[in-house]
Amino acid sequence: MQTEQMKKLVIQAMEDLKAVDIRSLDISELSTVADYMVIASGTSRRHVNAIADNVVMKIKENGMLPLGIEGEQESDWVLVDLGDIIVNVMMPDTRVFYDLEKLWQPIPEQDKSVLPPE
């Protein structure tokens, strides 16, 4: 399955369970680990876990397996590693605290001049 198709499947699985504030970030220029990061919030720990479980179930139904799943026991933040896509389902307070959307923003051109040479 192509990455774009997988991303649509992930987002649909999240929407099916009423995930809150779903965001897809293209991180392909920022990381060699993955191409996309999909982030969403749940309304309770049980909801966070159910959203992540639904993503995993839909991925498996389409013949793929996640590379890893972390955080299911605590359920404040469940991460599902799909290779090209990293899925983060978080409680709202956890999402605000870690602010992944800001962390994974591209560096503005004017700020690149302060980076060390490669």
C-alpha atoms as a PDB file:
ATOM      1  CA  MET A   1       0.000   0.000   0.000  1.00  0.00           C
ATOM      2  CA  GLN A   2       1.297   3.446  -0.905  1.00  0.00           C
ATOM      3  CA  THR A   3       2.035   5.930   1.883  1.00  0.00           C
ATOM      4  CA  GLU A   4      -0.737   8.325   0.807  1.00  0.00           C
ATOM      5  CA  GLN A   5      -3.284   5.493   0.832  1.00  0.00           C
ATOM      6  CA  MET A   6      -2.094   4.384   4.252  1.00  0.00           C
ATOM      7  CA  LYS A   7      -2.390   7.964   5.559  1.00  0.00           C
ATOM      8  CA  LYS A   8      -5.990   8.178   4.309  1.00  0.00           C
ATOM      9  CA  LEU A   9      -6.757   4.831   5.952  1.00  0.00           C
ATOM     10  CA  VAL A  10      -5.290   6.026   9.269  1.00  0.00           C
ATOM     11  CA  ILE A  11      -7.253   9.277   9.190  1.00  0.00           C
ATOM     12  CA  GLN A  12     -10.465   7.446   8.291  1.00  0.00           C
ATOM     13  CA  ALA A  13      -9.931   4.992  11.171  1.00  0.00           C
ATOM     14  CA  MET A  14      -9.514   7.960  13.518  1.00  0.00           C
ATOM     15  CA  GLU A  15     -12.582   9.738  12.136  1.00  0.00           C
ATOM     16  CA  ASP A  16     -14.643   6.546  12.502  1.00  0.00           C
ATOM     17  CA  LEU A  17     -14.121   6.752  16.263  1.00  0.00           C
ATOM     18  CA  LYS A  18     -14.597  10.520  16.486  1.00  0.00           C
ATOM     19  CA  ALA A  19     -10.979  11.471  17.184  1.00  0.00           C
ATOM     20  CA  VAL A  20     -10.577  15.172  17.947  1.00  0.00           C
ATOM     21  CA  ASP A  21      -8.430  17.650  15.977  1.00  0.00           C
ATOM     22  CA  ILE A  22      -6.762  15.237  13.549  1.00  0.00           C
ATOM     23  CA  ARG A  23      -3.606  16.695  11.994  1.00  0.00           C
ATOM     24  CA  SER A  24      -1.318  15.249   9.351  1.00  0.00           C
ATOM     25  CA  LEU A  25       2.227  16.626   9.271  1.00  0.00           C
ATOM     26  CA  ASP A  26       4.586  16.066   6.350  1.00  0.00           C
ATOM     27  CA  ILE A  27       7.917  15.457   8.094  1.00  0.00           C
ATOM     28  CA  SER A  28       9.729  13.965   5.098  1.00  0.00           C
ATOM     29  CA  GLU A  29      12.075  16.966   4.849  1.00  0.00           C
ATOM     30  CA  LEU A  30      12.763  16.960   8.597  1.00  0.00           C
ATOM     31  CA  SER A  31      13.370  13.289   9.348  1.00  0.00           C
ATOM     32  CA  THR A  32      14.553  10.074   7.768  1.00  0.00           C
ATOM     33  CA  VAL A  33      12.468   8.078  10.241  1.00  0.00           C
ATOM     34  CA  ALA A  34       9.057   8.676   8.633  1.00  0.00           C
ATOM     35  CA  ASP A  35       7.301  10.717   5.958  1.00  0.00           C
ATOM     36  CA  TYR A  36       4.200  11.673   7.931  1.00  0.00           C
ATOM     37  CA  MET A  37       3.111  12.130  11.495  1.00  0.00           C
ATOM     38  CA  VAL A  38      -0.612  11.919  12.183  1.00  0.00           C
ATOM     39  CA  ILE A  39      -1.747  13.377  15.499  1.00  0.00           C
ATOM     40  CA  ALA A  40      -5.172  13.276  17.130  1.00  0.00           C
ATOM     41  CA  SER A  41      -6.734  13.645  20.558  1.00  0.00           C
ATOM     42  CA  GLY A  42      -9.188  11.471  22.425  1.00  0.00           C
ATOM     43  CA  THR A  43     -11.677  12.602  25.038  1.00  0.00           C
ATOM     44  CA  SER A  44     -10.661   9.993  27.643  1.00  0.00           C
ATOM     45  CA  ARG A  45      -7.953   7.386  28.138  1.00  0.00           C
ATOM     46  CA  ARG A  46     -10.350   4.713  26.971  1.00  0.00           C
ATOM     47  CA  HIS A  47     -11.114   6.786  23.863  1.00  0.00           C
ATOM     48  CA  VAL A  48      -7.380   7.279  23.133  1.00  0.00           C
ATOM     49  CA  ASN A  49      -6.822   3.533  23.358  1.00  0.00           C
ATOM     50  CA  ALA A  50      -9.874   2.753  21.199  1.00  0.00           C
ATOM     51  CA  ILE A  51      -8.731   5.151  18.457  1.00  0.00           C
ATOM     52  CA  ALA A  52      -5.247   3.611  18.380  1.00  0.00           C
ATOM     53  CA  ASP A  53      -6.744   0.094  18.390  1.00  0.00           C
ATOM     54  CA  ASN A  54      -8.989   1.006  15.462  1.00  0.00           C
ATOM     55  CA  VAL A  55      -6.001   2.296  13.477  1.00  0.00           C
ATOM     56  CA  VAL A  56      -4.149  -0.974  14.123  1.00  0.00           C
ATOM     57  CA  MET A  57      -7.209  -3.062  13.218  1.00  0.00           C
ATOM     58  CA  LYS A  58      -7.735  -1.203   9.910  1.00  0.00           C
ATOM     59  CA  ILE A  59      -4.042  -1.523   9.042  1.00  0.00           C
ATOM     60  CA  LYS A  60      -4.132  -5.269   9.730  1.00  0.00           C
ATOM     61  CA  GLU A  61      -7.322  -5.649   7.659  1.00  0.00           C
ATOM     62  CA  ASN A  62      -5.348  -4.197   4.748  1.00  0.00           C
ATOM     63  CA  GLY A  63      -2.550  -6.746   5.059  1.00  0.00           C
ATOM     64  CA  MET A  64      -0.010  -4.701   7.005  1.00  0.00           C
ATOM     65  CA  LEU A  65       1.368  -4.896  10.515  1.00  0.00           C
ATOM     66  CA  PRO A  66       2.499  -2.019  12.717  1.00  0.00           C
ATOM     67  CA  LEU A  67       6.216  -1.974  13.488  1.00  0.00           C
ATOM     68  CA  GLY A  68       5.478  -1.072  17.092  1.00  0.00           C
ATOM     69  CA  ILE A  69       2.879   0.201  19.531  1.00  0.00           C
ATOM     70  CA  GLU A  70       3.764   2.113  22.689  1.00  0.00           C
ATOM     71  CA  GLY A  71       1.741   3.568  25.554  1.00  0.00           C
ATOM     72  CA  GLU A  72      -1.313   1.319  25.547  1.00  0.00           C
ATOM     73  CA  GLN A  73      -1.074   0.682  29.283  1.00  0.00           C
ATOM     74  CA  GLU A  74      -0.977   4.356  30.289  1.00  0.00           C
ATOM     75  CA  SER A  75      -3.202   5.602  27.435  1.00  0.00           C
ATOM     76  CA  ASP A  76      -2.279   9.284  27.860  1.00  0.00           C
ATOM     77  CA  TRP A  77      -0.358   8.915  24.609  1.00  0.00           C
ATOM     78  CA  VAL A  78      -0.429   5.906  22.306  1.00  0.00           C
ATOM     79  CA  LEU A  79       2.104   5.811  19.484  1.00  0.00           C
ATOM     80  CA  VAL A  80       1.647   3.467  16.523  1.00  0.00           C
ATOM     81  CA  ASP A  81       4.679   3.092  14.260  1.00  0.00           C
ATOM     82  CA  LEU A  82       3.633   2.223  10.715  1.00  0.00           C
ATOM     83  CA  GLY A  83       7.037   2.832   9.163  1.00  0.00           C
ATOM     84  CA  ASP A  84       6.379   5.742   6.815  1.00  0.00           C
ATOM     85  CA  ILE A  85       3.690   7.073   9.166  1.00  0.00           C
ATOM     86  CA  ILE A  86       3.895   7.624  12.914  1.00  0.00           C
ATOM     87  CA  VAL A  87       0.488   7.849  14.575  1.00  0.00           C
ATOM     88  CA  ASN A  88       0.123   9.720  17.881  1.00  0.00           C
ATOM     89  CA  VAL A  89      -3.167   9.594  19.779  1.00  0.00           C
ATOM     90  CA  MET A  90      -3.065  11.725  22.904  1.00  0.00           C
ATOM     91  CA  MET A  91      -5.088  13.112  25.753  1.00  0.00           C
ATOM     92  CA  PRO A  92      -5.588  16.879  25.208  1.00  0.00           C
ATOM     93  CA  ASP A  93      -3.356  17.919  28.146  1.00  0.00           C
ATOM     94  CA  THR A  94      -0.557  15.642  26.952  1.00  0.00           C
ATOM     95  CA  ARG A  95      -0.881  17.007  23.436  1.00  0.00           C
ATOM     96  CA  VAL A  96      -0.649  20.607  24.642  1.00  0.00           C
ATOM     97  CA  PHE A  97       2.357  19.800  26.836  1.00  0.00           C
ATOM     98  CA  TYR A  98       4.412  18.096  24.098  1.00  0.00           C
ATOM     99  CA  ASP A  99       3.124  20.317  21.249  1.00  0.00           C
ATOM    100  CA  LEU A 100       4.306  17.984  18.468  1.00  0.00           C
ATOM    101  CA  GLU A 101       2.790  20.213  15.807  1.00  0.00           C
ATOM    102  CA  LYS A 102       5.177  23.010  16.774  1.00  0.00           C
ATOM    103  CA  LEU A 103       8.124  20.679  17.344  1.00  0.00           C
ATOM    104  CA  TRP A 104       7.848  19.250  13.827  1.00  0.00           C
ATOM    105  CA  GLN A 105       7.390  22.545  11.955  1.00  0.00           C
ATOM    106  CA  PRO A 106       9.903  23.253   9.202  1.00  0.00           C
ATOM    107  CA  ILE A 107      12.663  25.688  10.172  1.00  0.00           C
ATOM    108  CA  PRO A 108      11.975  29.124   8.635  1.00  0.00           C
ATOM    109  CA  GLU A 109      14.632  30.226   6.122  1.00  0.00           C
ATOM    110  CA  GLN A 110      15.735  33.213   8.230  1.00  0.00           C
ATOM    111  CA  ASP A 111      16.463  30.868  11.180  1.00  0.00           C
ATOM    112  CA  LYS A 112      18.583  28.441   9.136  1.00  0.00           C
ATOM    113  CA  SER A 113      21.506  30.871   9.196  1.00  0.00           C
ATOM    114  CA  VAL A 114      22.105  30.070  12.893  1.00  0.00           C
ATOM    115  CA  LEU A 115      22.454  26.336  12.301  1.00  0.00           C
ATOM    116  CA  PRO A 116      25.926  24.790  12.280  1.00  0.00           C
ATOM    117  CA  PRO A 117      27.321  23.881   8.842  1.00  0.00           C
ATOM    118  CA  GLU A 118      26.628  20.330   7.661  1.00  0.00           C
END
